[in-house]
Amino acid sequence: QNLVLGDSRITCEIDSGSAVSVMSVDTYRSNFQQYNLQCCNVILNCYNESKMSPIGFLILPVTYENQVRMLKMYVVNVRKSKPTLLGRDFICAFGLALCSLDCNNLVQENCDLEKKLQEKFHTLFSDELGRFNKYKVQLKLKPDAQLKFFKPRPVPLALQSKVENELQRLTELGILEKIEHAEFATPIVPVLRPDGGVRICGDFSVTLNKNL
């Protein structure tokens, strides 16, 4: 009630997430046509990642708490029901202080929420390997598929022990299974992890992929 734009008192919202102040073209035509609308080539990025091109801007005297500041107000083509938005330019112009947050309480609430989520979905946060058991997956080969047997590729000496340990770990977890004979075989590609370990990948581009 103590905010006046030009000579008009209109409904406004203060939004610290907006860098600029914005009003609808209907609000401009109804209340501020006496102010010159100037052209601009600004593109505004909206909160939903869409973009909006103002039809122009005006320099408007804004009165708040017995103080007057000249504010640039962009005019956009939106529904009339949208209130005029006062952004950070308005906040800075009048030196307004935003409400402070109690960070200690905020951190505690986040910790409590994290604990509740971990308890409710404990299987998702388990260190154990998960397993997809909704249905069986079948890979259908082409009628003329010709799979091949590839010999193991040489592993750099510095990675040999890491690869052997990882293969042993995957075998113990039941992910891999040892066999004595195979008609088809795909070479592995060891990928070095940031923590120094290795990830075992199969190079199916030379065997299975082109036969699916």
C-alpha atoms as a PDB file:
ATOM      1  CA  GLN A   1       0.000   0.000   0.000  1.00  0.00           C
ATOM      2  CA  ASN A   2       3.001   2.324   0.334  1.00  0.00           C
ATOM      3  CA  LEU A   3       4.352   1.471  -3.145  1.00  0.00           C
ATOM      4  CA  VAL A   4       3.505   3.730  -6.078  1.00  0.00           C
ATOM      5  CA  LEU A   5       4.535   3.192  -9.691  1.00  0.00           C
ATOM      6  CA  GLY A   6       4.326   6.521 -11.478  1.00  0.00           C
ATOM      7  CA  ASP A   7       0.991   7.799 -10.160  1.00  0.00           C
ATOM      8  CA  SER A   8      -0.639   4.382  -9.809  1.00  0.00           C
ATOM      9  CA  ARG A   9      -0.972   1.851  -7.038  1.00  0.00           C
ATOM     10  CA  ILE A  10      -1.057  -1.599  -8.630  1.00  0.00           C
ATOM     11  CA  THR A  11      -0.519  -5.137  -7.405  1.00  0.00           C
ATOM     12  CA  CYS A  12       3.162  -6.097  -7.482  1.00  0.00           C
ATOM     13  CA  GLU A  13       5.268  -9.036  -6.433  1.00  0.00           C
ATOM     14  CA  ILE A  14       8.899  -8.848  -5.328  1.00  0.00           C
ATOM     15  CA  ASP A  15      10.974 -11.678  -6.793  1.00  0.00           C
ATOM     16  CA  SER A  16      14.651 -11.895  -5.838  1.00  0.00           C
ATOM     17  CA  GLY A  17      15.067 -14.588  -8.483  1.00  0.00           C
ATOM     18  CA  SER A  18      14.423 -12.067 -11.256  1.00  0.00           C
ATOM     19  CA  ALA A  19      17.225  -9.728 -12.293  1.00  0.00           C
ATOM     20  CA  VAL A  20      14.837  -7.166 -13.823  1.00  0.00           C
ATOM     21  CA  SER A  21      11.372  -5.721 -13.224  1.00  0.00           C
ATOM     22  CA  VAL A  22       8.575  -6.652 -15.617  1.00  0.00           C
ATOM     23  CA  MET A  23       4.959  -5.667 -16.283  1.00  0.00           C
ATOM     24  CA  SER A  24       2.381  -6.939 -18.758  1.00  0.00           C
ATOM     25  CA  VAL A  25       1.480  -4.983 -21.879  1.00  0.00           C
ATOM     26  CA  ASP A  26      -2.115  -4.686 -20.600  1.00  0.00           C
ATOM     27  CA  THR A  27      -0.900  -3.109 -17.358  1.00  0.00           C
ATOM     28  CA  TYR A  28       1.204  -0.667 -19.367  1.00  0.00           C
ATOM     29  CA  ARG A  29      -1.701   0.315 -21.629  1.00  0.00           C
ATOM     30  CA  SER A  30      -4.103   0.704 -18.705  1.00  0.00           C
ATOM     31  CA  ASN A  31      -1.865   2.747 -16.417  1.00  0.00           C
ATOM     32  CA  PHE A  32       1.374   3.972 -17.977  1.00  0.00           C
ATOM     33  CA  GLN A  33       0.857   4.992 -21.601  1.00  0.00           C
ATOM     34  CA  GLN A  34       1.975   8.520 -20.690  1.00  0.00           C
ATOM     35  CA  TYR A  35       5.504   7.084 -20.346  1.00  0.00           C
ATOM     36  CA  ASN A  36       7.466   6.577 -23.541  1.00  0.00           C
ATOM     37  CA  LEU A  37       7.931   2.920 -24.465  1.00  0.00           C
ATOM     38  CA  GLN A  38      11.459   2.448 -25.764  1.00  0.00           C
ATOM     39  CA  CYS A  39      12.673  -0.349 -28.025  1.00  0.00           C
ATOM     40  CA  CYS A  40      15.088  -2.998 -26.775  1.00  0.00           C
ATOM     41  CA  ASN A  41      16.689  -6.206 -28.011  1.00  0.00           C
ATOM     42  CA  VAL A  42      16.795  -7.985 -24.651  1.00  0.00           C
ATOM     43  CA  ILE A  43      15.913 -11.686 -24.322  1.00  0.00           C
ATOM     44  CA  LEU A  44      14.601 -12.711 -20.900  1.00  0.00           C
ATOM     45  CA  ASN A  45      15.186 -16.240 -19.596  1.00  0.00           C
ATOM     46  CA  CYS A  46      12.179 -17.503 -17.627  1.00  0.00           C
ATOM     47  CA  TYR A  47      12.289 -19.852 -14.634  1.00  0.00           C
ATOM     48  CA  ASN A  48      10.989 -22.731 -16.792  1.00  0.00           C
ATOM     49  CA  GLU A  49      13.904 -22.234 -19.241  1.00  0.00           C
ATOM     50  CA  SER A  50      11.667 -20.642 -21.881  1.00  0.00           C
ATOM     51  CA  LYS A  51      12.643 -17.302 -23.419  1.00  0.00           C
ATOM     52  CA  MET A  52      10.652 -14.084 -23.714  1.00  0.00           C
ATOM     53  CA  SER A  53      11.258 -10.975 -25.819  1.00  0.00           C
ATOM     54  CA  PRO A  54       9.946  -7.734 -24.247  1.00  0.00           C
ATOM     55  CA  ILE A  55       8.155  -5.358 -26.599  1.00  0.00           C
ATOM     56  CA  GLY A  56      10.111  -2.525 -24.966  1.00  0.00           C
ATOM     57  CA  PHE A  57      10.856  -0.792 -21.673  1.00  0.00           C
ATOM     58  CA  LEU A  58      10.000   2.435 -19.869  1.00  0.00           C
ATOM     59  CA  ILE A  59      11.765   4.455 -17.200  1.00  0.00           C
ATOM     60  CA  LEU A  60       9.302   4.800 -14.352  1.00  0.00           C
ATOM     61  CA  PRO A  61       9.463   6.778 -11.074  1.00  0.00           C
ATOM     62  CA  VAL A  62       8.826   4.400  -8.196  1.00  0.00           C
ATOM     63  CA  THR A  63       7.935   5.670  -4.732  1.00  0.00           C
ATOM     64  CA  TYR A  64       8.467   3.446  -1.708  1.00  0.00           C
ATOM     65  CA  GLU A  65       8.794   4.438   1.962  1.00  0.00           C
ATOM     66  CA  ASN A  66       8.939   8.130   0.979  1.00  0.00           C
ATOM     67  CA  GLN A  67      11.839   7.442  -1.374  1.00  0.00           C
ATOM     68  CA  VAL A  68      11.728   7.873  -5.147  1.00  0.00           C
ATOM     69  CA  ARG A  69      13.881   5.930  -7.580  1.00  0.00           C
ATOM     70  CA  MET A  70      13.830   5.756 -11.376  1.00  0.00           C
ATOM     71  CA  LEU A  71      13.344   2.125 -12.398  1.00  0.00           C
ATOM     72  CA  LYS A  72      13.626   0.447 -15.790  1.00  0.00           C
ATOM     73  CA  MET A  73      10.482  -1.625 -16.322  1.00  0.00           C
ATOM     74  CA  TYR A  74      10.322  -4.148 -19.167  1.00  0.00           C
ATOM     75  CA  VAL A  75       6.956  -4.672 -20.854  1.00  0.00           C
ATOM     76  CA  VAL A  76       6.076  -8.199 -21.970  1.00  0.00           C
ATOM     77  CA  ASN A  77       3.102  -9.706 -23.741  1.00  0.00           C
ATOM     78  CA  VAL A  78       1.560 -11.899 -21.016  1.00  0.00           C
ATOM     79  CA  ARG A  79      -1.882 -12.332 -19.500  1.00  0.00           C
ATOM     80  CA  LYS A  80      -3.315  -9.332 -17.682  1.00  0.00           C
ATOM     81  CA  SER A  81      -3.798 -11.443 -14.553  1.00  0.00           C
ATOM     82  CA  LYS A  82      -0.044 -11.605 -14.098  1.00  0.00           C
ATOM     83  CA  PRO A  83       1.069  -9.099 -11.429  1.00  0.00           C
ATOM     84  CA  THR A  84       3.868  -6.637 -12.069  1.00  0.00           C
ATOM     85  CA  LEU A  85       7.163  -8.215 -11.060  1.00  0.00           C
ATOM     86  CA  LEU A  86       9.751  -6.225  -9.113  1.00  0.00           C
ATOM     87  CA  GLY A  87      13.159  -7.838  -9.455  1.00  0.00           C
ATOM     88  CA  ARG A  88      16.585  -7.419  -7.933  1.00  0.00           C
ATOM     89  CA  ASP A  89      16.986  -4.045  -9.648  1.00  0.00           C
ATOM     90  CA  PHE A  90      14.129  -2.761  -7.452  1.00  0.00           C
ATOM     91  CA  ILE A  91      15.591  -4.440  -4.355  1.00  0.00           C
ATOM     92  CA  CYS A  92      18.999  -2.849  -4.945  1.00  0.00           C
ATOM     93  CA  ALA A  93      17.560   0.565  -5.827  1.00  0.00           C
ATOM     94  CA  PHE A  94      15.825   0.827  -2.439  1.00  0.00           C
ATOM     95  CA  GLY A  95      18.450  -1.086  -0.451  1.00  0.00           C
ATOM     96  CA  LEU A  96      15.978  -3.686   0.770  1.00  0.00           C
ATOM     97  CA  ALA A  97      17.194  -6.508   3.002  1.00  0.00           C
ATOM     98  CA  LEU A  98      16.005  -9.999   2.172  1.00  0.00           C
ATOM     99  CA  CYS A  99      14.809 -12.246   4.971  1.00  0.00           C
ATOM    100  CA  SER A 100      17.654 -14.292   6.420  1.00  0.00           C
ATOM    101  CA  LEU A 101      17.503 -18.063   6.816  1.00  0.00           C
ATOM    102  CA  ASP A 102      18.419 -20.033   9.902  1.00  0.00           C
ATOM    103  CA  CYS A 103      21.067 -22.201   8.238  1.00  0.00           C
ATOM    104  CA  ASN A 104      21.453 -24.457  11.269  1.00  0.00           C
ATOM    105  CA  ASN A 105      17.777 -25.390  11.231  1.00  0.00           C
ATOM    106  CA  LEU A 106      17.866 -25.774   7.445  1.00  0.00           C
ATOM    107  CA  VAL A 107      20.799 -28.192   7.610  1.00  0.00           C
ATOM    108  CA  GLN A 108      19.129 -30.155  10.410  1.00  0.00           C
ATOM    109  CA  GLU A 109      15.882 -30.448   8.429  1.00  0.00           C
ATOM    110  CA  ASN A 110      17.808 -31.674   5.384  1.00  0.00           C
ATOM    111  CA  CYS A 111      19.633 -34.245   7.508  1.00  0.00           C
ATOM    112  CA  ASP A 112      16.338 -35.487   8.971  1.00  0.00           C
ATOM    113  CA  LEU A 113      14.828 -35.760   5.492  1.00  0.00           C
ATOM    114  CA  GLU A 114      17.867 -37.642   4.218  1.00  0.00           C
ATOM    115  CA  LYS A 115      17.646 -40.080   7.122  1.00  0.00           C
ATOM    116  CA  LYS A 116      13.930 -40.686   6.519  1.00  0.00           C
ATOM    117  CA  LEU A 117      14.515 -41.323   2.812  1.00  0.00           C
ATOM    118  CA  GLN A 118      17.329 -43.761   3.574  1.00  0.00           C
ATOM    119  CA  GLU A 119      15.120 -45.646   6.034  1.00  0.00           C
ATOM    120  CA  LYS A 120      12.140 -45.766   3.673  1.00  0.00           C
ATOM    121  CA  PHE A 121      14.160 -46.791   0.600  1.00  0.00           C
ATOM    122  CA  HIS A 122      16.957 -48.658   2.353  1.00  0.00           C
ATOM    123  CA  THR A 123      17.471 -51.069  -0.540  1.00  0.00           C
ATOM    124  CA  LEU A 124      18.305 -48.169  -2.857  1.00  0.00           C
ATOM    125  CA  PHE A 125      20.983 -46.867  -0.486  1.00  0.00           C
ATOM    126  CA  SER A 126      22.512 -50.253   0.257  1.00  0.00           C
ATOM    127  CA  ASP A 127      26.159 -50.870  -0.619  1.00  0.00           C
ATOM    128  CA  GLU A 128      25.174 -54.267  -1.983  1.00  0.00           C
ATOM    129  CA  LEU A 129      24.687 -54.776  -5.696  1.00  0.00           C
ATOM    130  CA  GLY A 130      21.088 -54.504  -6.840  1.00  0.00           C
ATOM    131  CA  ARG A 131      19.349 -56.914  -9.187  1.00  0.00           C
ATOM    132  CA  PHE A 132      16.663 -56.382 -11.806  1.00  0.00           C
ATOM    133  CA  ASN A 133      14.068 -59.103 -11.287  1.00  0.00           C
ATOM    134  CA  LYS A 134      10.909 -57.772 -12.929  1.00  0.00           C
ATOM    135  CA  TYR A 135      11.233 -59.930 -16.019  1.00  0.00           C
ATOM    136  CA  LYS A 136      13.809 -61.728 -18.143  1.00  0.00           C
ATOM    137  CA  VAL A 137      15.540 -59.873 -20.944  1.00  0.00           C
ATOM    138  CA  GLN A 138      16.084 -61.677 -24.235  1.00  0.00           C
ATOM    139  CA  LEU A 139      18.476 -60.597 -26.969  1.00  0.00           C
ATOM    140  CA  LYS A 140      17.213 -61.647 -30.395  1.00  0.00           C
ATOM    141  CA  LEU A 141      19.895 -62.315 -32.980  1.00  0.00           C
ATOM    142  CA  LYS A 142      19.591 -61.835 -36.705  1.00  0.00           C
ATOM    143  CA  PRO A 143      18.852 -65.053 -38.649  1.00  0.00           C
ATOM    144  CA  ASP A 144      22.256 -64.822 -40.326  1.00  0.00           C
ATOM    145  CA  ALA A 145      24.138 -63.854 -37.159  1.00  0.00           C
ATOM    146  CA  GLN A 146      27.750 -65.005 -37.108  1.00  0.00           C
ATOM    147  CA  LEU A 147      29.287 -64.528 -33.698  1.00  0.00           C
ATOM    148  CA  LYS A 148      33.030 -64.843 -33.317  1.00  0.00           C
ATOM    149  CA  PHE A 149      35.542 -65.921 -30.720  1.00  0.00           C
ATOM    150  CA  PHE A 150      38.079 -63.213 -29.906  1.00  0.00           C
ATOM    151  CA  LYS A 151      41.234 -63.964 -27.988  1.00  0.00           C
ATOM    152  CA  PRO A 152      41.941 -61.867 -24.887  1.00  0.00           C
ATOM    153  CA  ARG A 153      43.552 -58.557 -25.678  1.00  0.00           C
ATOM    154  CA  PRO A 154      46.879 -57.732 -24.024  1.00  0.00           C
ATOM    155  CA  VAL A 155      46.449 -55.917 -20.712  1.00  0.00           C
ATOM    156  CA  PRO A 156      49.075 -53.340 -19.683  1.00  0.00           C
ATOM    157  CA  LEU A 157      51.344 -54.728 -16.992  1.00  0.00           C
ATOM    158  CA  ALA A 158      50.387 -51.929 -14.594  1.00  0.00           C
ATOM    159  CA  LEU A 159      46.714 -52.954 -14.825  1.00  0.00           C
ATOM    160  CA  GLN A 160      47.027 -56.737 -14.782  1.00  0.00           C
ATOM    161  CA  SER A 161      46.679 -57.204 -11.019  1.00  0.00           C
ATOM    162  CA  LYS A 162      43.803 -54.706 -10.868  1.00  0.00           C
ATOM    163  CA  VAL A 163      41.978 -56.477 -13.695  1.00  0.00           C
ATOM    164  CA  GLU A 164      42.458 -59.876 -12.052  1.00  0.00           C
ATOM    165  CA  ASN A 165      41.190 -58.558  -8.712  1.00  0.00           C
ATOM    166  CA  GLU A 166      38.139 -56.970 -10.337  1.00  0.00           C
ATOM    167  CA  LEU A 167      37.309 -60.150 -12.264  1.00  0.00           C
ATOM    168  CA  GLN A 168      37.583 -62.102  -9.015  1.00  0.00           C
ATOM    169  CA  ARG A 169      35.307 -59.621  -7.234  1.00  0.00           C
ATOM    170  CA  LEU A 170      32.673 -59.787  -9.985  1.00  0.00           C
ATOM    171  CA  THR A 171      32.825 -63.578  -9.905  1.00  0.00           C
ATOM    172  CA  GLU A 172      32.311 -63.676  -6.138  1.00  0.00           C
ATOM    173  CA  LEU A 173      29.304 -61.361  -6.501  1.00  0.00           C
ATOM    174  CA  GLY A 174      27.773 -63.703  -9.056  1.00  0.00           C
ATOM    175  CA  ILE A 175      27.961 -61.189 -11.887  1.00  0.00           C
ATOM    176  CA  LEU A 176      30.468 -63.260 -13.829  1.00  0.00           C
ATOM    177  CA  GLU A 177      30.640 -67.038 -14.002  1.00  0.00           C
ATOM    178  CA  LYS A 178      33.706 -69.075 -14.861  1.00  0.00           C
ATOM    179  CA  ILE A 179      33.434 -71.490 -17.792  1.00  0.00           C
ATOM    180  CA  GLU A 180      35.884 -73.951 -19.334  1.00  0.00           C
ATOM    181  CA  HIS A 181      34.830 -73.633 -22.966  1.00  0.00           C
ATOM    182  CA  ALA A 182      33.017 -71.051 -25.096  1.00  0.00           C
ATOM    183  CA  GLU A 183      32.018 -71.020 -28.740  1.00  0.00           C
ATOM    184  CA  PHE A 184      31.844 -67.218 -28.781  1.00  0.00           C
ATOM    185  CA  ALA A 185      33.871 -64.685 -26.812  1.00  0.00           C
ATOM    186  CA  THR A 186      33.996 -60.889 -26.541  1.00  0.00           C
ATOM    187  CA  PRO A 187      37.205 -59.089 -25.542  1.00  0.00           C
ATOM    188  CA  ILE A 188      37.153 -56.945 -22.427  1.00  0.00           C
ATOM    189  CA  VAL A 189      38.216 -53.321 -22.133  1.00  0.00           C
ATOM    190  CA  PRO A 190      39.515 -52.283 -18.688  1.00  0.00           C
ATOM    191  CA  VAL A 191      38.730 -48.630 -17.916  1.00  0.00           C
ATOM    192  CA  LEU A 192      40.713 -46.908 -15.186  1.00  0.00           C
ATOM    193  CA  ARG A 193      38.516 -45.330 -12.497  1.00  0.00           C
ATOM    194  CA  PRO A 194      39.305 -41.981 -10.830  1.00  0.00           C
ATOM    195  CA  ASP A 195      39.923 -43.838  -7.539  1.00  0.00           C
ATOM    196  CA  GLY A 196      42.603 -46.012  -9.153  1.00  0.00           C
ATOM    197  CA  GLY A 197      40.450 -49.103  -9.631  1.00  0.00           C
ATOM    198  CA  VAL A 198      39.260 -50.506 -12.953  1.00  0.00           C
ATOM    199  CA  ARG A 199      35.863 -51.029 -14.553  1.00  0.00           C
ATOM    200  CA  ILE A 200      35.536 -54.110 -16.740  1.00  0.00           C
ATOM    201  CA  CYS A 201      33.688 -53.433 -19.996  1.00  0.00           C
ATOM    202  CA  GLY A 202      32.937 -55.772 -22.883  1.00  0.00           C
ATOM    203  CA  ASP A 203      33.704 -54.581 -26.410  1.00  0.00           C
ATOM    204  CA  PHE A 204      30.461 -55.873 -27.911  1.00  0.00           C
ATOM    205  CA  SER A 205      30.850 -53.580 -30.921  1.00  0.00           C
ATOM    206  CA  VAL A 206      33.003 -56.268 -32.561  1.00  0.00           C
ATOM    207  CA  THR A 207      30.775 -59.225 -31.679  1.00  0.00           C
ATOM    208  CA  LEU A 208      27.194 -58.975 -30.470  1.00  0.00           C
ATOM    209  CA  ASN A 209      25.945 -55.489 -31.415  1.00  0.00           C
ATOM    210  CA  LYS A 210      25.996 -55.887 -35.194  1.00  0.00           C
ATOM    211  CA  ASN A 211      24.210 -59.228 -34.925  1.00  0.00           C
ATOM    212  CA  LEU A 212      21.187 -57.989 -32.969  1.00  0.00           C
END
